[in-house]
PDB file of N, CA and C in Angstrom:
ATOM      1  N   UNK A   1      48.988  53.752  39.205  1.00  0.00           N
ATOM      2  CA  UNK A   1      48.734  55.022  39.863  1.00  0.00           C
ATOM      3  C   UNK A   1      49.879  56.000  39.597  1.00  0.00           C
ATOM      4  N   UNK A   2      51.107  55.530  39.641  1.00  0.00           N
ATOM      5  CA  UNK A   2      52.259  56.401  39.409  1.00  0.00           C
ATOM      6  C   UNK A   2      52.252  56.953  37.991  1.00  0.00           C
ATOM      7  N   UNK A   3      51.890  56.121  37.018  1.00  0.00           N
ATOM      8  CA  UNK A   3      51.856  56.598  35.631  1.00  0.00           C
ATOM      9  C   UNK A   3      50.763  57.656  35.445  1.00  0.00           C
ATOM     10  N   UNK A   4      49.644  57.523  36.156  1.00  0.00           N
ATOM     11  CA  UNK A   4      48.585  58.524  36.072  1.00  0.00           C
ATOM     12  C   UNK A   4      49.071  59.870  36.601  1.00  0.00           C
ATOM     13  N   UNK A   5      49.747  59.868  37.715  1.00  0.00           N
ATOM     14  CA  UNK A   5      50.275  61.101  38.305  1.00  0.00           C
ATOM     15  C   UNK A   5      51.309  61.730  37.372  1.00  0.00           C
ATOM     16  N   UNK A   6      52.147  60.894  36.773  1.00  0.00           N
ATOM     17  CA  UNK A   6      53.163  61.379  35.845  1.00  0.00           C
ATOM     18  C   UNK A   6      52.510  62.017  34.618  1.00  0.00           C
ATOM     19  N   UNK A   7      51.506  61.366  34.044  1.00  0.00           N
ATOM     20  CA  UNK A   7      50.789  61.915  32.892  1.00  0.00           C
ATOM     21  C   UNK A   7      50.074  63.219  33.246  1.00  0.00           C
ATOM     22  N   UNK A   8      49.471  63.268  34.405  1.00  0.00           N
ATOM     23  CA  UNK A   8      48.772  64.481  34.837  1.00  0.00           C
ATOM     24  C   UNK A   8      49.757  65.632  35.015  1.00  0.00           C
ATOM     25  N   UNK A   9      50.917  65.351  35.557  1.00  0.00           N
ATOM     26  CA  UNK A   9      51.937  66.377  35.752  1.00  0.00           C
ATOM     27  C   UNK A   9      52.456  66.896  34.416  1.00  0.00           C
ATOM     28  N   UNK A  10      52.721  65.995  33.472  1.00  0.00           N
ATOM     29  CA  UNK A  10      53.197  66.395  32.148  1.00  0.00           C
ATOM     30  C   UNK A  10      52.138  67.238  31.437  1.00  0.00           C
ATOM     31  N   UNK A  11      50.894  66.819  31.521  1.00  0.00           N
ATOM     32  CA  UNK A  11      49.802  67.565  30.902  1.00  0.00           C
ATOM     33  C   UNK A  11      49.696  68.971  31.501  1.00  0.00           C
ATOM     34  N   UNK A  12      49.816  69.074  32.794  1.00  0.00           N
ATOM     35  CA  UNK A  12      49.756  70.365  33.468  1.00  0.00           C
ATOM     36  C   UNK A  12      50.894  71.277  33.012  1.00  0.00           C
ATOM     37  N   UNK A  13      52.088  70.735  32.886  1.00  0.00           N
ATOM     38  CA  UNK A  13      53.241  71.529  32.450  1.00  0.00           C
ATOM     39  C   UNK A  13      53.078  72.015  31.012  1.00  0.00           C
ATOM     40  N   UNK A  14      52.555  71.164  30.139  1.00  0.00           N
ATOM     41  CA  UNK A  14      52.344  71.548  28.741  1.00  0.00           C
ATOM     42  C   UNK A  14      51.307  72.665  28.650  1.00  0.00           C
ATOM     43  N   UNK A  15      50.212  72.539  29.392  1.00  0.00           N
ATOM     44  CA  UNK A  15      49.175  73.571  29.385  1.00  0.00           C
ATOM     45  C   UNK A  15      49.692  74.883  29.967  1.00  0.00           C
ATOM     46  N   UNK A  16      50.511  74.808  30.999  1.00  0.00           N
ATOM     47  CA  UNK A  16      51.075  76.017  31.606  1.00  0.00           C
ATOM     48  C   UNK A  16      51.997  76.736  30.630  1.00  0.00           C
ATOM     49  N   UNK A  17      52.776  75.985  29.851  1.00  0.00           N
ATOM     50  CA  UNK A  17      53.671  76.602  28.866  1.00  0.00           C
ATOM     51  C   UNK A  17      52.866  77.321  27.786  1.00  0.00           C
ATOM     52  N   UNK A  18      51.778  76.720  27.338  1.00  0.00           N
ATOM     53  CA  UNK A  18      50.912  77.358  26.340  1.00  0.00           C
ATOM     54  C   UNK A  18      50.270  78.625  26.878  1.00  0.00           C
ATOM     55  N   UNK A  19      49.836  78.594  28.122  1.00  0.00           N
ATOM     56  CA  UNK A  19      49.225  79.776  28.731  1.00  0.00           C
ATOM     57  C   UNK A  19      50.254  80.895  28.893  1.00  0.00           C
ATOM     58  N   UNK A  20      51.482  80.534  29.224  1.00  0.00           N
ATOM     59  CA  UNK A  20      52.541  81.535  29.369  1.00  0.00           C
ATOM     60  C   UNK A  20      52.841  82.197  28.023  1.00  0.00           C
ATOM     61  N   UNK A  21      52.863  81.413  26.936  1.00  0.00           N
ATOM     62  CA  UNK A  21      53.085  81.983  25.603  1.00  0.00           C
ATOM     63  C   UNK A  21      51.958  82.942  25.227  1.00  0.00           C
ATOM     64  N   UNK A  22      50.724  82.557  25.489  1.00  0.00           N
ATOM     65  CA  UNK A  22      49.576  83.409  25.173  1.00  0.00           C
ATOM     66  C   UNK A  22      49.638  84.714  25.967  1.00  0.00           C
ATOM     67  N   UNK A  23      50.010  84.628  27.236  1.00  0.00           N
ATOM     68  CA  UNK A  23      50.113  85.829  28.062  1.00  0.00           C
ATOM     69  C   UNK A  23      51.212  86.753  27.547  1.00  0.00           C
ATOM     70  N   UNK A  24      52.331  86.175  27.144  1.00  0.00           N
ATOM     71  CA  UNK A  24      53.439  86.976  26.607  1.00  0.00           C
ATOM     72  C   UNK A  24      53.010  87.682  25.321  1.00  0.00           C
ATOM     73  N   UNK A  25      52.316  86.985  24.446  1.00  0.00           N
ATOM     74  CA  UNK A  25      51.860  87.579  23.195  1.00  0.00           C
ATOM     75  C   UNK A  25      50.835  88.686  23.445  1.00  0.00           C
ATOM     76  N   UNK A  26      49.922  88.477  24.386  1.00  0.00           N
ATOM     77  CA  UNK A  26      48.940  89.508  24.719  1.00  0.00           C
ATOM     78  C   UNK A  26      49.619  90.761  25.263  1.00  0.00           C
ATOM     79  N   UNK A  27      50.649  90.575  26.075  1.00  0.00           N
ATOM     80  CA  UNK A  27      51.384  91.707  26.632  1.00  0.00           C
ATOM     81  C   UNK A  27      52.086  92.487  25.529  1.00  0.00           C
ATOM     82  N   UNK A  28      52.727  91.783  24.599  1.00  0.00           N
ATOM     83  CA  UNK A  28      53.408  92.451  23.484  1.00  0.00           C
ATOM     84  C   UNK A  28      52.394  93.218  22.634  1.00  0.00           C
ATOM     85  N   UNK A  29      51.242  92.610  22.359  1.00  0.00           N
ATOM     86  CA  UNK A  29      50.218  93.267  21.542  1.00  0.00           C
ATOM     87  C   UNK A  29      49.677  94.513  22.245  1.00  0.00           C
ATOM     88  N   UNK A  30      49.413  94.410  23.542  1.00  0.00           N
ATOM     89  CA  UNK A  30      48.925  95.572  24.288  1.00  0.00           C
ATOM     90  C   UNK A  30      49.968  96.694  24.283  1.00  0.00           C
ATOM     91  N   UNK A  31      51.236  96.339  24.504  1.00  0.00           N
ATOM     92  CA  UNK A  31      52.285  97.358  24.519  1.00  0.00           C
ATOM     93  C   UNK A  31      52.463  98.008  23.149  1.00  0.00           C
ATOM     94  N   UNK A  32      52.291  97.249  22.073  1.00  0.00           N
ATOM     95  CA  UNK A  32      52.352  97.830  20.728  1.00  0.00           C
ATOM     96  C   UNK A  32      51.207  98.827  20.531  1.00  0.00           C
ATOM     97  N   UNK A  33      50.003  98.461  20.945  1.00  0.00           N
ATOM     98  CA  UNK A  33      48.852  99.362  20.825  1.00  0.00           C
ATOM     99  C   UNK A  33      49.060 100.612  21.678  1.00  0.00           C
ATOM    100  N   UNK A  34      49.583 100.431  22.870  1.00  0.00           N
ATOM    101  CA  UNK A  34      49.858 101.568  23.747  1.00  0.00           C
ATOM    102  C   UNK A  34      50.884 102.508  23.124  1.00  0.00           C
ATOM    103  N   UNK A  35      51.905 101.948  22.467  1.00  0.00           N
ATOM    104  CA  UNK A  35      52.922 102.767  21.819  1.00  0.00           C
ATOM    105  C   UNK A  35      52.324 103.589  20.673  1.00  0.00           C
ATOM    106  N   UNK A  36      51.414 102.987  19.914  1.00  0.00           N
ATOM    107  CA  UNK A  36      50.751 103.724  18.828  1.00  0.00           C
ATOM    108  C   UNK A  36      49.965 104.896  19.404  1.00  0.00           C
ATOM    109  N   UNK A  37      49.230 104.669  20.493  1.00  0.00           N
ATOM    110  CA  UNK A  37      48.465 105.744  21.133  1.00  0.00           C
ATOM    111  C   UNK A  37      49.417 106.841  21.616  1.00  0.00           C
ATOM    112  N   UNK A  38      50.536 106.469  22.211  1.00  0.00           N
ATOM    113  CA  UNK A  38      51.518 107.461  22.663  1.00  0.00           C
ATOM    114  C   UNK A  38      52.053 108.273  21.495  1.00  0.00           C
ATOM    115  N   UNK A  39      52.317 107.602  20.366  1.00  0.00           N
ATOM    116  CA  UNK A  39      52.803 108.316  19.184  1.00  0.00           C
ATOM    117  C   UNK A  39      51.778 109.343  18.698  1.00  0.00           C
ATOM    118  N   UNK A  40      50.505 108.964  18.703  1.00  0.00           N
ATOM    119  CA  UNK A  40      49.448 109.883  18.274  1.00  0.00           C
ATOM    120  C   UNK A  40      49.310 111.018  19.288  1.00  0.00           C
ATOM    121  N   UNK A  41      49.376 110.684  20.552  1.00  0.00           N
ATOM    122  CA  UNK A  41      49.253 111.697  21.605  1.00  0.00           C
ATOM    123  C   UNK A  41      50.349 112.753  21.489  1.00  0.00           C
ATOM    124  N   UNK A  42      51.522 112.342  21.039  1.00  0.00           N
ATOM    125  CA  UNK A  42      52.647 113.270  20.900  1.00  0.00           C
ATOM    126  C   UNK A  42      52.448 114.268  19.768  1.00  0.00           C
ATOM    127  N   UNK A  43      51.394 114.110  18.974  1.00  0.00           N
ATOM    128  CA  UNK A  43      51.075 115.052  17.901  1.00  0.00           C
ATOM    129  C   UNK A  43      50.287 116.241  18.445  1.00  0.00           C
ATOM    130  N   UNK A  44      50.532 116.649  19.660  1.00  0.00           N
ATOM    131  CA  UNK A  44      49.777 117.744  20.296  1.00  0.00           C
ATOM    132  C   UNK A  44      49.646 118.937  19.372  1.00  0.00           C
ATOM    133  N   UNK A  45      48.418 119.377  19.214  1.00  0.00           N
ATOM    134  CA  UNK A  45      48.168 120.556  18.415  1.00  0.00           C
ATOM    135  C   UNK A  45      48.111 120.296  16.917  1.00  0.00           C
ATOM    136  N   UNK A  46      48.658 119.192  16.461  1.00  0.00           N
ATOM    137  CA  UNK A  46      48.621 118.868  15.032  1.00  0.00           C
ATOM    138  C   UNK A  46      47.246 118.300  14.700  1.00  0.00           C
ATOM    139  N   UNK A  47      46.697 118.659  13.557  1.00  0.00           N
ATOM    140  CA  UNK A  47      45.384 118.113  13.205  1.00  0.00           C
ATOM    141  C   UNK A  47      45.456 116.615  12.915  1.00  0.00           C
ATOM    142  N   UNK A  48      44.558 115.878  13.503  1.00  0.00           N
ATOM    143  CA  UNK A  48      44.456 114.434  13.257  1.00  0.00           C
ATOM    144  C   UNK A  48      43.229 114.203  12.390  1.00  0.00           C
ATOM    145  N   UNK A  49      43.464 113.818  11.160  1.00  0.00           N
ATOM    146  CA  UNK A  49      42.355 113.612  10.238  1.00  0.00           C
ATOM    147  C   UNK A  49      41.637 112.307  10.565  1.00  0.00           C
ATOM    148  N   UNK A  50      40.323 112.340  10.711  1.00  0.00           N
ATOM    149  CA  UNK A  50      39.578 111.100  10.923  1.00  0.00           C
ATOM    150  C   UNK A  50      39.772 110.156   9.745  1.00  0.00           C
ATOM    151  N   UNK A  51      39.827 108.864  10.029  1.00  0.00           N
ATOM    152  CA  UNK A  51      39.974 107.871   8.978  1.00  0.00           C
ATOM    153  C   UNK A  51      40.610 106.601   9.489  1.00  0.00           C
ATOM    154  N   UNK A  52      40.898 105.698   8.562  1.00  0.00           N
ATOM    155  CA  UNK A  52      41.529 104.413   8.854  1.00  0.00           C
ATOM    156  C   UNK A  52      42.998 104.489   8.449  1.00  0.00           C
ATOM    157  N   UNK A  53      43.875 104.023   9.313  1.00  0.00           N
ATOM    158  CA  UNK A  53      45.311 104.057   9.055  1.00  0.00           C
ATOM    159  C   UNK A  53      45.866 102.634   9.152  1.00  0.00           C
ATOM    160  N   UNK A  54      46.391 102.134   8.043  1.00  0.00           N
ATOM    161  CA  UNK A  54      46.978 100.791   8.057  1.00  0.00           C
ATOM    162  C   UNK A  54      48.468 100.837   8.345  1.00  0.00           C
ATOM    163  N   UNK A  55      49.100 102.001   8.151  1.00  0.00           N
ATOM    164  CA  UNK A  55      50.519 102.149   8.452  1.00  0.00           C
ATOM    165  C   UNK A  55      50.672 103.001   9.705  1.00  0.00           C
ATOM    166  N   UNK A  56      50.586 102.363  10.870  1.00  0.00           N
ATOM    167  CA  UNK A  56      50.661 103.099  12.132  1.00  0.00           C
ATOM    168  C   UNK A  56      52.060 103.654  12.387  1.00  0.00           C
ATOM    169  N   UNK A  57      53.056 103.141  11.684  1.00  0.00           N
ATOM    170  CA  UNK A  57      54.421 103.645  11.871  1.00  0.00           C
ATOM    171  C   UNK A  57      54.593 105.039  11.283  1.00  0.00           C
ATOM    172  N   UNK A  58      53.604 105.522  10.540  1.00  0.00           N
ATOM    173  CA  UNK A  58      53.656 106.890  10.014  1.00  0.00           C
ATOM    174  C   UNK A  58      53.627 107.903  11.160  1.00  0.00           C
ATOM    175  N   UNK A  59      53.098 107.509  12.317  1.00  0.00           N
ATOM    176  CA  UNK A  59      53.028 108.398  13.477  1.00  0.00           C
ATOM    177  C   UNK A  59      54.241 108.249  14.383  1.00  0.00           C
ATOM    178  N   UNK A  60      55.064 107.235  14.148  1.00  0.00           N
ATOM    179  CA  UNK A  60      56.247 107.009  14.979  1.00  0.00           C
ATOM    180  C   UNK A  60      56.597 105.540  15.033  1.00  0.00           C
ATOM    181  N   UNK A  61      57.769 105.267  15.557  1.00  0.00           N
ATOM    182  CA  UNK A  61      58.266 103.885  15.650  1.00  0.00           C
ATOM    183  C   UNK A  61      57.424 103.060  16.628  1.00  0.00           C
ATOM    184  N   UNK A  62      57.261 101.780  16.295  1.00  0.00           N
ATOM    185  CA  UNK A  62      56.554 100.836  17.169  1.00  0.00           C
ATOM    186  C   UNK A  62      57.447  99.600  17.311  1.00  0.00           C
ATOM    187  N   UNK A  63      58.464  99.671  18.174  1.00  0.00           N
ATOM    188  CA  UNK A  63      59.410  98.563  18.279  1.00  0.00           C
ATOM    189  C   UNK A  63      58.779  97.255  18.750  1.00  0.00           C
ATOM    190  N   UNK A  64      57.643  97.336  19.429  1.00  0.00           N
ATOM    191  CA  UNK A  64      56.979  96.118  19.895  1.00  0.00           C
ATOM    192  C   UNK A  64      56.533  95.250  18.724  1.00  0.00           C
ATOM    193  N   UNK A  65      56.166  95.871  17.593  1.00  0.00           N
ATOM    194  CA  UNK A  65      55.774  95.076  16.428  1.00  0.00           C
ATOM    195  C   UNK A  65      56.973  94.327  15.856  1.00  0.00           C
ATOM    196  N   UNK A  66      58.160  94.910  15.973  1.00  0.00           N
ATOM    197  CA  UNK A  66      59.363  94.225  15.504  1.00  0.00           C
ATOM    198  C   UNK A  66      59.694  93.028  16.396  1.00  0.00           C
ATOM    199  N   UNK A  67      59.333  93.105  17.674  1.00  0.00           N
ATOM    200  CA  UNK A  67      59.630  92.022  18.617  1.00  0.00           C
ATOM    201  C   UNK A  67      58.725  90.815  18.421  1.00  0.00           C
ATOM    202  N   UNK A  68      57.675  90.951  17.630  1.00  0.00           N
ATOM    203  CA  UNK A  68      56.732  89.852  17.480  1.00  0.00           C
ATOM    204  C   UNK A  68      57.337  88.660  16.753  1.00  0.00           C
ATOM    205  N   UNK A  69      58.320  88.894  15.899  1.00  0.00           N
ATOM    206  CA  UNK A  69      58.918  87.794  15.124  1.00  0.00           C
ATOM    207  C   UNK A  69      59.584  86.765  16.026  1.00  0.00           C
ATOM    208  N   UNK A  70      60.135  87.204  17.134  1.00  0.00           N
ATOM    209  CA  UNK A  70      60.842  86.285  18.030  1.00  0.00           C
ATOM    210  C   UNK A  70      59.943  85.721  19.125  1.00  0.00           C
ATOM    211  N   UNK A  71      58.683  86.124  19.154  1.00  0.00           N
ATOM    212  CA  UNK A  71      57.793  85.671  20.225  1.00  0.00           C
ATOM    213  C   UNK A  71      56.711  84.720  19.743  1.00  0.00           C
ATOM    214  N   UNK A  72      56.816  84.234  18.511  1.00  0.00           N
ATOM    215  CA  UNK A  72      55.824  83.300  17.998  1.00  0.00           C
ATOM    216  C   UNK A  72      54.583  83.957  17.437  1.00  0.00           C
ATOM    217  N   UNK A  73      54.609  85.275  17.284  1.00  0.00           N
ATOM    218  CA  UNK A  73      53.465  86.000  16.724  1.00  0.00           C
ATOM    219  C   UNK A  73      53.710  86.174  15.226  1.00  0.00           C
ATOM    220  N   UNK A  74      52.953  85.448  14.428  1.00  0.00           N
ATOM    221  CA  UNK A  74      53.137  85.494  12.972  1.00  0.00           C
ATOM    222  C   UNK A  74      52.255  86.581  12.361  1.00  0.00           C
ATOM    223  N   UNK A  75      52.768  87.258  11.342  1.00  0.00           N
ATOM    224  CA  UNK A  75      52.004  88.260  10.592  1.00  0.00           C
ATOM    225  C   UNK A  75      51.416  89.343  11.487  1.00  0.00           C
ATOM    226  N   UNK A  76      52.149  89.779  12.493  1.00  0.00           N
ATOM    227  CA  UNK A  76      51.643  90.814  13.403  1.00  0.00           C
ATOM    228  C   UNK A  76      51.551  92.149  12.669  1.00  0.00           C
ATOM    229  N   UNK A  77      50.422  92.824  12.853  1.00  0.00           N
ATOM    230  CA  UNK A  77      50.230  94.132  12.244  1.00  0.00           C
ATOM    231  C   UNK A  77      49.258  94.930  13.112  1.00  0.00           C
ATOM    232  N   UNK A  78      49.365  96.237  12.995  1.00  0.00           N
ATOM    233  CA  UNK A  78      48.486  97.117  13.763  1.00  0.00           C
ATOM    234  C   UNK A  78      47.783  98.072  12.809  1.00  0.00           C
ATOM    235  N   UNK A  79      46.526  98.335  13.089  1.00  0.00           N
ATOM    236  CA  UNK A  79      45.754  99.319  12.348  1.00  0.00           C
ATOM    237  C   UNK A  79      45.151 100.292  13.355  1.00  0.00           C
ATOM    238  N   UNK A  80      44.795 101.458  12.854  1.00  0.00           N
ATOM    239  CA  UNK A  80      44.252 102.481  13.732  1.00  0.00           C
ATOM    240  C   UNK A  80      43.122 103.205  13.026  1.00  0.00           C
ATOM    241  N   UNK A  81      42.109 103.565  13.790  1.00  0.00           N
ATOM    242  CA  UNK A  81      41.043 104.414  13.252  1.00  0.00           C
ATOM    243  C   UNK A  81      40.907 105.638  14.154  1.00  0.00           C
ATOM    244  N   UNK A  82      40.661 106.768  13.525  1.00  0.00           N
ATOM    245  CA  UNK A  82      40.410 108.013  14.250  1.00  0.00           C
ATOM    246  C   UNK A  82      39.034 108.488  13.832  1.00  0.00           C
ATOM    247  N   UNK A  83      38.176 108.691  14.820  1.00  0.00           N
ATOM    248  CA  UNK A  83      36.817 109.149  14.562  1.00  0.00           C
ATOM    249  C   UNK A  83      36.518 110.353  15.458  1.00  0.00           C
ATOM    250  N   UNK A  84      35.648 111.215  14.985  1.00  0.00           N
ATOM    251  CA  UNK A  84      35.228 112.350  15.796  1.00  0.00           C
ATOM    252  C   UNK A  84      34.360 111.832  16.934  1.00  0.00           C
ATOM    253  N   UNK A  85      34.630 112.267  18.149  1.00  0.00           N
ATOM    254  CA  UNK A  85      33.839 111.885  19.313  1.00  0.00           C
ATOM    255  C   UNK A  85      32.906 113.047  19.653  1.00  0.00           C
ATOM    256  N   UNK A  86      33.464 114.104  20.176  1.00  0.00           N
ATOM    257  CA  UNK A  86      32.776 115.382  20.378  1.00  0.00           C
ATOM    258  C   UNK A  86      33.812 116.447  20.066  1.00  0.00           C
ATOM    259  N   UNK A  87      33.493 117.286  19.151  1.00  0.00           N
ATOM    260  CA  UNK A  87      34.448 118.292  18.699  1.00  0.00           C
ATOM    261  C   UNK A  87      35.025 119.055  19.884  1.00  0.00           C
ATOM    262  N   UNK A  88      36.295 119.141  20.053  1.00  0.00           N
ATOM    263  CA  UNK A  88      37.409 118.736  19.198  1.00  0.00           C
ATOM    264  C   UNK A  88      38.011 117.383  19.586  1.00  0.00           C
ATOM    265  N   UNK A  89      37.356 116.621  20.472  1.00  0.00           N
ATOM    266  CA  UNK A  89      37.891 115.348  20.965  1.00  0.00           C
ATOM    267  C   UNK A  89      37.648 114.245  19.938  1.00  0.00           C
ATOM    268  N   UNK A  90      38.666 113.406  19.750  1.00  0.00           N
ATOM    269  CA  UNK A  90      38.576 112.294  18.795  1.00  0.00           C
ATOM    270  C   UNK A  90      38.767 110.969  19.523  1.00  0.00           C
ATOM    271  N   UNK A  91      38.108 109.944  18.989  1.00  0.00           N
ATOM    272  CA  UNK A  91      38.242 108.580  19.505  1.00  0.00           C
ATOM    273  C   UNK A  91      39.269 107.854  18.639  1.00  0.00           C
ATOM    274  N   UNK A  92      40.327 107.379  19.285  1.00  0.00           N
ATOM    275  CA  UNK A  92      41.385 106.649  18.586  1.00  0.00           C
ATOM    276  C   UNK A  92      41.308 105.190  19.020  1.00  0.00           C
ATOM    277  N   UNK A  93      41.190 104.288  18.048  1.00  0.00           N
ATOM    278  CA  UNK A  93      41.128 102.853  18.321  1.00  0.00           C
ATOM    279  C   UNK A  93      42.259 102.168  17.569  1.00  0.00           C
ATOM    280  N   UNK A  94      43.068 101.412  18.303  1.00  0.00           N
ATOM    281  CA  UNK A  94      44.188 100.674  17.718  1.00  0.00           C
ATOM    282  C   UNK A  94      43.901  99.191  17.879  1.00  0.00           C
ATOM    283  N   UNK A  95      44.051  98.444  16.794  1.00  0.00           N
ATOM    284  CA  UNK A  95      43.883  96.994  16.846  1.00  0.00           C
ATOM    285  C   UNK A  95      45.165  96.331  16.373  1.00  0.00           C
ATOM    286  N   UNK A  96      45.670  95.408  17.183  1.00  0.00           N
ATOM    287  CA  UNK A  96      46.845  94.608  16.825  1.00  0.00           C
ATOM    288  C   UNK A  96      46.347  93.197  16.548  1.00  0.00           C
ATOM    289  N   UNK A  97      46.690  92.668  15.374  1.00  0.00           N
ATOM    290  CA  UNK A  97      46.285  91.313  14.970  1.00  0.00           C
ATOM    291  C   UNK A  97      47.525  90.476  14.720  1.00  0.00           C
ATOM    292  N   UNK A  98      47.435  89.201  15.045  1.00  0.00           N
ATOM    293  CA  UNK A  98      48.526  88.269  14.771  1.00  0.00           C
ATOM    294  C   UNK A  98      47.984  86.855  14.767  1.00  0.00           C
ATOM    295  N   UNK A  99      48.805  85.941  14.289  1.00  0.00           N
ATOM    296  CA  UNK A  99      48.484  84.514  14.344  1.00  0.00           C
ATOM    297  C   UNK A  99      49.486  83.855  15.274  1.00  0.00           C
ATOM    298  N   UNK A 100      49.013  82.940  16.079  1.00  0.00           N
ATOM    299  CA  UNK A 100      49.904  82.223  16.980  1.00  0.00           C
ATOM    300  C   UNK A 100      49.663  80.723  16.833  1.00  0.00           C
ATOM    301  N   UNK A 101      50.682  79.969  17.097  1.00  0.00           N
ATOM    302  CA  UNK A 101      50.564  78.516  17.023  1.00  0.00           C
ATOM    303  C   UNK A 101      51.149  77.953  15.755  1.00  0.00           C
ATOM    304  N   UNK A 102      51.109  76.661  15.667  1.00  0.00           N
ATOM    305  CA  UNK A 102      51.669  75.928  14.529  1.00  0.00           C
ATOM    306  C   UNK A 102      50.631  75.749  13.431  1.00  0.00           C
ATOM    307  N   UNK A 103      51.082  75.351  12.249  1.00  0.00           N
ATOM    308  CA  UNK A 103      50.222  75.025  11.106  1.00  0.00           C
ATOM    309  C   UNK A 103      49.212  76.134  10.794  1.00  0.00           C
ATOM    310  N   UNK A 104      49.714  77.331  10.572  1.00  0.00           N
ATOM    311  CA  UNK A 104      48.822  78.432  10.218  1.00  0.00           C
ATOM    312  C   UNK A 104      48.384  79.260  11.394  1.00  0.00           C
ATOM    313  N   UNK A 105      48.255  78.648  12.533  1.00  0.00           N
ATOM    314  CA  UNK A 105      47.965  79.378  13.760  1.00  0.00           C
ATOM    315  C   UNK A 105      46.534  79.838  13.921  1.00  0.00           C
ATOM    316  N   UNK A 106      46.285  80.381  15.077  1.00  0.00           N
ATOM    317  CA  UNK A 106      44.983  80.893  15.461  1.00  0.00           C
ATOM    318  C   UNK A 106      45.041  82.413  15.352  1.00  0.00           C
ATOM    319  N   UNK A 107      44.042  83.013  14.703  1.00  0.00           N
ATOM    320  CA  UNK A 107      43.992  84.468  14.582  1.00  0.00           C
ATOM    321  C   UNK A 107      43.645  85.066  15.937  1.00  0.00           C
ATOM    322  N   UNK A 108      44.450  86.027  16.391  1.00  0.00           N
ATOM    323  CA  UNK A 108      44.210  86.697  17.667  1.00  0.00           C
ATOM    324  C   UNK A 108      44.278  88.196  17.451  1.00  0.00           C
ATOM    325  N   UNK A 109      43.664  88.948  18.367  1.00  0.00           N
ATOM    326  CA  UNK A 109      43.734  90.406  18.264  1.00  0.00           C
ATOM    327  C   UNK A 109      43.512  91.029  19.638  1.00  0.00           C
ATOM    328  N   UNK A 110      44.038  92.234  19.784  1.00  0.00           N
ATOM    329  CA  UNK A 110      43.825  93.049  20.971  1.00  0.00           C
ATOM    330  C   UNK A 110      43.492  94.448  20.495  1.00  0.00           C
ATOM    331  N   UNK A 111      42.538  95.095  21.159  1.00  0.00           N
ATOM    332  CA  UNK A 111      42.094  96.430  20.774  1.00  0.00           C
ATOM    333  C   UNK A 111      42.235  97.370  21.961  1.00  0.00           C
ATOM    334  N   UNK A 112      42.684  98.589  21.673  1.00  0.00           N
ATOM    335  CA  UNK A 112      42.838  99.618  22.690  1.00  0.00           C
ATOM    336  C   UNK A 112      42.224 100.901  22.147  1.00  0.00           C
ATOM    337  N   UNK A 113      41.373 101.550  22.940  1.00  0.00           N
ATOM    338  CA  UNK A 113      40.738 102.805  22.524  1.00  0.00           C
ATOM    339  C   UNK A 113      40.997 103.875  23.565  1.00  0.00           C
ATOM    340  N   UNK A 114      41.090 105.118  23.088  1.00  0.00           N
ATOM    341  CA  UNK A 114      41.261 106.254  23.986  1.00  0.00           C
ATOM    342  C   UNK A 114      40.706 107.504  23.316  1.00  0.00           C
ATOM    343  N   UNK A 115      40.468 108.509  24.115  1.00  0.00           N
ATOM    344  CA  UNK A 115      40.031 109.802  23.602  1.00  0.00           C
ATOM    345  C   UNK A 115      41.231 110.739  23.566  1.00  0.00           C
ATOM    346  N   UNK A 116      41.371 111.476  22.458  1.00  0.00           N
ATOM    347  CA  UNK A 116      42.484 112.400  22.296  1.00  0.00           C
ATOM    348  C   UNK A 116      41.923 113.790  22.027  1.00  0.00           C
ATOM    349  N   UNK A 117      42.423 114.765  22.777  1.00  0.00           N
ATOM    350  CA  UNK A 117      42.039 116.160  22.543  1.00  0.00           C
ATOM    351  C   UNK A 117      43.198 116.861  21.846  1.00  0.00           C
ATOM    352  N   UNK A 118      43.007 118.091  21.393  1.00  0.00           N
ATOM    353  CA  UNK A 118      44.110 118.798  20.746  1.00  0.00           C
ATOM    354  C   UNK A 118      45.332 118.960  21.656  1.00  0.00           C
ATOM    355  N   UNK A 119      45.149 118.806  22.966  1.00  0.00           N
ATOM    356  CA  UNK A 119      46.261 118.923  23.907  1.00  0.00           C
ATOM    357  C   UNK A 119      46.827 117.580  24.337  1.00  0.00           C
ATOM    358  N   UNK A 120      46.467 116.498  23.684  1.00  0.00           N
ATOM    359  CA  UNK A 120      46.945 115.170  24.042  1.00  0.00           C
ATOM    360  C   UNK A 120      45.793 114.287  24.457  1.00  0.00           C
ATOM    361  N   UNK A 121      46.046 113.343  25.355  1.00  0.00           N
ATOM    362  CA  UNK A 121      45.014 112.408  25.810  1.00  0.00           C
ATOM    363  C   UNK A 121      43.980 113.175  26.631  1.00  0.00           C
ATOM    364  N   UNK A 122      42.714 112.987  26.337  1.00  0.00           N
ATOM    365  CA  UNK A 122      41.637 113.652  27.080  1.00  0.00           C
ATOM    366  C   UNK A 122      41.492 112.992  28.437  1.00  0.00           C
ATOM    367  N   UNK A 123      41.354 113.771  29.448  1.00  0.00           N
ATOM    368  CA  UNK A 123      41.183 113.255  30.814  1.00  0.00           C
ATOM    369  C   UNK A 123      39.729 113.323  31.209  1.00  0.00           C
TER     370      UNK A 123
END
């Protein structure tokens, strides 16, 4: 009976550590996407051409992507698309992708979308 309780406790601790890592990675990915949106929002009045952007750092620094190397997020990258929603409002979608885990890892992603007007974020 004691060995069963010990095994159950160890299993619980291992699962909790994995869940904590996943939560930390999700938070970093969300904050990176939020930073990209903030960078785009700061382009008030500047024309935002609709299209796909693979280099989100062209709009500004994204330090959260640099932090991914120390958090177990492999090959982290962010992409962004800008599409016309209703003139002059545009739909901005940012996707952060990374791999987590050992031996190649599991592909994960987080997506954040917002509407942007010529005056910043549309309310």
